[in-house]
N, C-alpha and C. Protein backbone atom coordinates (compact mmCIF):
# COMPACT_ATOMS: atom_id res chain seq x y z
N MET A 1 -177.71 122.44 74.95
CA MET A 1 -177.45 121.44 75.92
C MET A 1 -175.92 121.87 76.38
N LEU A 2 -175.80 121.80 77.80
CA LEU A 2 -174.82 122.05 78.44
C LEU A 2 -173.76 120.95 78.48
N LYS A 3 -172.42 121.19 78.34
CA LYS A 3 -171.46 120.11 78.40
C LYS A 3 -170.76 120.25 79.85
N VAL A 4 -170.39 119.14 80.30
CA VAL A 4 -169.87 119.02 81.49
C VAL A 4 -168.48 120.03 81.68
N SER A 5 -167.80 119.83 80.56
CA SER A 5 -166.48 120.62 80.46
C SER A 5 -166.92 122.02 80.62
N ASP A 6 -167.91 122.55 80.04
CA ASP A 6 -168.27 124.08 80.01
C ASP A 6 -168.68 124.29 81.51
N LEU A 7 -169.36 123.35 82.21
CA LEU A 7 -169.81 123.58 83.50
C LEU A 7 -168.60 123.75 84.43
N ARG A 8 -167.47 122.98 84.31
CA ARG A 8 -166.32 122.99 85.12
C ARG A 8 -165.63 124.12 85.01
N GLU A 9 -165.84 125.08 83.92
CA GLU A 9 -165.04 126.38 83.67
C GLU A 9 -165.78 127.56 84.40
N MET A 10 -166.99 127.06 84.79
CA MET A 10 -167.74 128.19 85.64
C MET A 10 -167.41 128.29 86.91
N THR A 11 -167.77 129.33 87.70
CA THR A 11 -167.46 129.48 89.23
C THR A 11 -168.86 128.86 89.84
N ALA A 12 -168.74 128.63 91.16
CA ALA A 12 -169.70 127.99 92.05
C ALA A 12 -170.86 128.98 91.89
N GLU A 13 -170.77 130.20 92.12
CA GLU A 13 -171.84 131.08 92.04
C GLU A 13 -172.65 130.98 90.78
N GLU A 14 -171.83 131.06 89.68
CA GLU A 14 -172.56 130.92 88.28
C GLU A 14 -173.33 129.68 88.24
N LEU A 15 -172.77 128.55 88.63
CA LEU A 15 -173.49 127.32 88.54
C LEU A 15 -174.65 127.34 89.45
N LYS A 16 -174.68 127.91 90.72
CA LYS A 16 -175.94 128.16 91.39
C LYS A 16 -176.95 128.92 90.92
N GLN A 17 -176.52 129.96 90.16
CA GLN A 17 -177.42 130.74 89.55
C GLN A 17 -178.31 130.02 88.21
N LYS A 18 -177.26 129.24 87.35
CA LYS A 18 -177.79 128.51 86.47
C LYS A 18 -178.83 127.40 86.92
N LEU A 19 -178.44 126.89 88.02
CA LEU A 19 -179.31 125.70 88.69
C LEU A 19 -180.64 126.35 89.05
N ALA A 20 -180.54 127.56 89.60
CA ALA A 20 -181.89 128.20 89.86
C ALA A 20 -182.85 128.64 88.78
N ASP A 21 -182.08 128.90 87.69
CA ASP A 21 -182.82 129.39 86.31
C ASP A 21 -183.45 128.12 85.84
N ILE A 22 -182.61 126.84 85.67
CA ILE A 22 -183.19 125.45 85.21
C ILE A 22 -184.27 125.11 86.07
N THR A 23 -184.19 125.07 87.34
CA THR A 23 -185.14 124.59 88.31
C THR A 23 -186.39 125.47 87.98
N GLU A 24 -186.40 126.67 87.94
CA GLU A 24 -187.59 127.57 87.51
C GLU A 24 -188.06 127.02 86.22
N GLU A 25 -187.43 126.88 85.21
CA GLU A 25 -187.68 126.48 83.93
C GLU A 25 -188.71 125.10 84.07
N VAL A 26 -187.98 124.17 84.78
CA VAL A 26 -188.50 122.75 84.92
C VAL A 26 -189.89 122.92 85.68
N PHE A 27 -190.07 123.77 86.64
CA PHE A 27 -191.18 124.07 87.39
C PHE A 27 -192.34 124.65 86.29
N ASN A 28 -192.02 125.61 85.44
CA ASN A 28 -192.88 126.22 84.42
C ASN A 28 -193.36 125.04 83.37
N LEU A 29 -192.52 124.22 82.95
CA LEU A 29 -192.72 123.17 81.98
C LEU A 29 -193.68 122.20 82.65
N ASN A 30 -193.53 121.99 83.84
CA ASN A 30 -194.39 120.88 84.56
C ASN A 30 -195.73 121.48 84.56
N MET A 31 -195.86 122.82 84.89
CA MET A 31 -197.00 123.62 85.19
C MET A 31 -197.88 123.37 83.69
N ARG A 32 -197.11 123.88 82.64
CA ARG A 32 -197.70 123.97 81.29
C ARG A 32 -198.21 122.48 80.87
N LYS A 33 -197.46 121.48 81.33
CA LYS A 33 -197.70 120.00 80.95
C LYS A 33 -198.90 119.67 81.62
N SER A 34 -199.13 120.06 82.78
CA SER A 34 -200.46 119.75 83.48
C SER A 34 -201.76 120.34 82.90
N ILE A 35 -201.38 121.64 82.21
CA ILE A 35 -202.65 122.37 81.53
C ILE A 35 -202.88 121.81 80.18
N LYS A 36 -201.75 121.62 79.49
CA LYS A 36 -201.95 121.21 77.92
C LYS A 36 -200.68 120.54 77.64
N ALA A 37 -200.73 119.92 76.44
CA ALA A 37 -199.52 119.34 75.86
C ALA A 37 -198.46 120.31 75.63
N LEU A 38 -197.25 119.90 75.73
CA LEU A 38 -196.08 120.85 75.46
C LEU A 38 -195.75 120.91 74.03
N ASP A 39 -195.25 122.14 73.51
CA ASP A 39 -194.91 122.23 72.02
C ASP A 39 -193.57 121.17 72.01
N ASN A 40 -192.67 121.19 72.89
CA ASN A 40 -191.45 120.35 72.79
C ASN A 40 -191.38 119.37 74.26
N PRO A 41 -191.99 118.43 74.25
CA PRO A 41 -192.03 117.58 75.55
C PRO A 41 -190.49 117.10 75.81
N LEU A 42 -189.63 117.01 74.86
CA LEU A 42 -188.06 116.76 75.23
C LEU A 42 -187.27 117.71 75.99
N ARG A 43 -187.79 118.93 75.90
CA ARG A 43 -187.32 120.02 76.48
C ARG A 43 -187.28 119.85 78.00
N LEU A 44 -188.43 119.17 78.64
CA LEU A 44 -188.35 118.73 80.02
C LEU A 44 -187.34 117.71 80.43
N ARG A 45 -187.14 116.90 79.64
CA ARG A 45 -186.10 115.90 79.96
C ARG A 45 -184.70 116.33 80.00
N THR A 46 -184.50 117.27 78.90
CA THR A 46 -183.17 117.82 78.73
C THR A 46 -182.78 118.79 79.93
N ALA A 47 -184.04 119.39 80.43
CA ALA A 47 -183.76 120.52 81.64
C ALA A 47 -183.46 119.71 82.73
N ARG A 48 -184.19 118.55 83.02
CA ARG A 48 -183.95 117.74 84.17
C ARG A 48 -182.53 117.25 84.29
N ARG A 49 -181.95 116.73 83.04
CA ARG A 49 -180.60 116.33 82.95
C ARG A 49 -179.65 117.46 83.17
N GLU A 50 -179.90 118.62 82.61
CA GLU A 50 -178.98 119.78 83.03
C GLU A 50 -178.90 120.03 84.33
N MET A 51 -179.97 119.82 85.11
CA MET A 51 -180.10 120.19 86.54
C MET A 51 -179.20 119.17 87.22
N ALA A 52 -179.37 117.74 86.84
CA ALA A 52 -178.40 116.73 87.31
C ALA A 52 -177.02 116.97 87.11
N ARG A 53 -176.63 117.36 85.89
CA ARG A 53 -175.23 117.76 85.61
C ARG A 53 -174.69 118.77 86.51
N ILE A 54 -175.40 119.80 86.70
CA ILE A 54 -174.99 120.93 87.55
C ILE A 54 -174.85 120.54 89.07
N LYS A 55 -175.82 119.76 89.52
CA LYS A 55 -175.64 119.27 90.76
C LYS A 55 -174.53 118.40 91.08
N THR A 56 -174.23 117.60 90.11
CA THR A 56 -173.18 116.60 90.05
C THR A 56 -171.78 117.42 90.05
N VAL A 57 -171.52 118.51 89.23
CA VAL A 57 -170.33 119.16 89.28
C VAL A 57 -170.20 120.10 90.48
N LEU A 58 -171.30 120.33 91.22
CA LEU A 58 -171.21 121.25 92.42
C LEU A 58 -170.61 120.33 93.56
N HIS A 59 -171.40 119.13 93.46
CA HIS A 59 -171.02 118.03 94.47
C HIS A 59 -169.59 117.50 94.49
N GLU A 60 -169.13 117.45 93.23
CA GLU A 60 -167.75 117.03 93.06
C GLU A 60 -166.83 118.10 93.83
N ASP A 61 -167.08 119.31 93.46
CA ASP A 61 -166.28 120.40 93.93
C ASP A 61 -166.39 120.33 95.42
N GLU A 62 -167.46 119.94 96.06
CA GLU A 62 -167.60 120.04 97.49
C GLU A 62 -166.78 118.86 97.96
N LEU A 63 -166.86 117.57 97.36
CA LEU A 63 -166.04 116.62 97.84
C LEU A 63 -164.52 116.80 97.73
N GLY A 64 -164.13 117.55 96.64
CA GLY A 64 -162.71 117.79 96.42
C GLY A 64 -162.34 116.95 95.26
N ILE A 65 -163.29 116.38 94.50
CA ILE A 65 -162.94 115.42 93.34
C ILE A 65 -162.41 116.19 92.33
N ARG A 66 -163.04 117.20 92.05
CA ARG A 66 -162.49 118.07 90.77
C ARG A 66 -162.91 119.70 91.38
N LYS A 67 -161.92 120.51 91.09
CA LYS A 67 -162.15 121.91 91.51
C LYS A 67 -162.92 122.56 90.36
N LEU A 68 -163.69 123.62 90.65
CA LEU A 68 -164.25 124.57 89.75
C LEU A 68 -163.39 125.68 89.50
N ALA A 69 -163.67 126.44 88.65
CA ALA A 69 -162.91 127.65 88.33
C ALA A 69 -163.13 128.63 89.52
N GLU A 70 -162.19 129.64 89.75
CA GLU A 70 -162.34 130.45 90.95
C GLU A 70 -162.54 131.70 90.14
N ALA A 71 -163.34 132.68 91.01
CA ALA A 71 -163.71 133.92 90.54
C ALA A 71 -162.41 134.74 90.48
N ALA A 72 -162.03 135.43 89.38
CA ALA A 72 -160.76 136.04 89.32
C ALA A 72 -160.87 137.52 89.86
N THR A 73 -162.07 138.02 90.13
CA THR A 73 -162.11 139.42 90.38
C THR A 73 -162.27 139.55 92.02
N SER A 74 -162.58 138.42 92.73
CA SER A 74 -162.67 138.56 94.07
C SER A 74 -161.94 137.59 94.86
N ILE A 75 -161.35 137.77 95.96
CA ILE A 75 -160.74 136.80 96.70
C ILE A 75 -161.52 136.70 98.05
N LEU A 76 -162.81 137.03 98.08
CA LEU A 76 -163.63 136.82 99.21
C LEU A 76 -164.05 135.40 99.59
N PRO A 77 -164.16 134.63 98.51
CA PRO A 77 -164.52 133.15 98.84
C PRO A 77 -163.29 132.43 99.52
N GLN A 78 -162.20 132.77 99.09
CA GLN A 78 -160.95 132.26 99.64
C GLN A 78 -160.73 132.69 101.10
N ALA A 79 -161.14 133.92 101.43
CA ALA A 79 -160.76 134.49 102.77
C ALA A 79 -161.92 133.61 103.65
N LYS A 80 -163.20 133.56 103.13
CA LYS A 80 -164.23 132.80 104.07
C LYS A 80 -163.74 131.50 104.39
N LYS A 81 -163.16 130.76 103.41
CA LYS A 81 -162.76 129.42 103.34
C LYS A 81 -161.59 129.29 104.64
N ALA A 82 -160.62 130.33 104.44
CA ALA A 82 -159.58 130.25 105.49
C ALA A 82 -160.16 130.39 106.88
N GLY A 83 -161.03 131.43 106.89
CA GLY A 83 -161.78 131.69 108.35
C GLY A 83 -162.36 130.55 108.76
N LYS A 84 -163.02 129.78 108.09
CA LYS A 84 -163.77 128.53 108.55
C LYS A 84 -162.96 127.43 109.03
N ASP A 85 -161.51 127.29 108.26
CA ASP A 85 -160.59 126.38 108.66
C ASP A 85 -159.97 126.76 110.03
N LYS A 86 -159.66 128.00 110.24
CA LYS A 86 -159.18 128.62 111.61
C LYS A 86 -160.05 128.15 112.72
N GLY A 87 -161.46 128.31 112.36
CA GLY A 87 -162.36 128.15 113.54
C GLY A 87 -162.59 126.64 113.72
N GLU A 88 -162.42 125.79 112.86
CA GLU A 88 -162.60 124.34 113.13
C GLU A 88 -161.39 123.70 113.87
N GLU A 89 -160.25 124.40 113.65
CA GLU A 89 -159.11 123.90 114.32
C GLU A 89 -159.05 124.02 115.79
N GLU A 90 -159.77 125.26 116.34
CA GLU A 90 -159.74 125.51 117.78
C GLU A 90 -160.61 124.60 118.56
């Protein structure tokens, strides 16, 4: 189970990748559920809750409520944001 504090230490790209993985897992669990009973039916619930946690943390970052960790190896996201700000002012 993912903790929110652990999620906030991840970058936005890592969270988006994690969200895609969990979304695929939920899809697969739903498919297996429609065919036969699941071995662990609680996994579906926990996966949906993990999706909600990730979406909440991403949304908080978009609104500026809490900031996520920045990628230490690249400054490209910062440069893109600066370019967008300049374009909006004109």
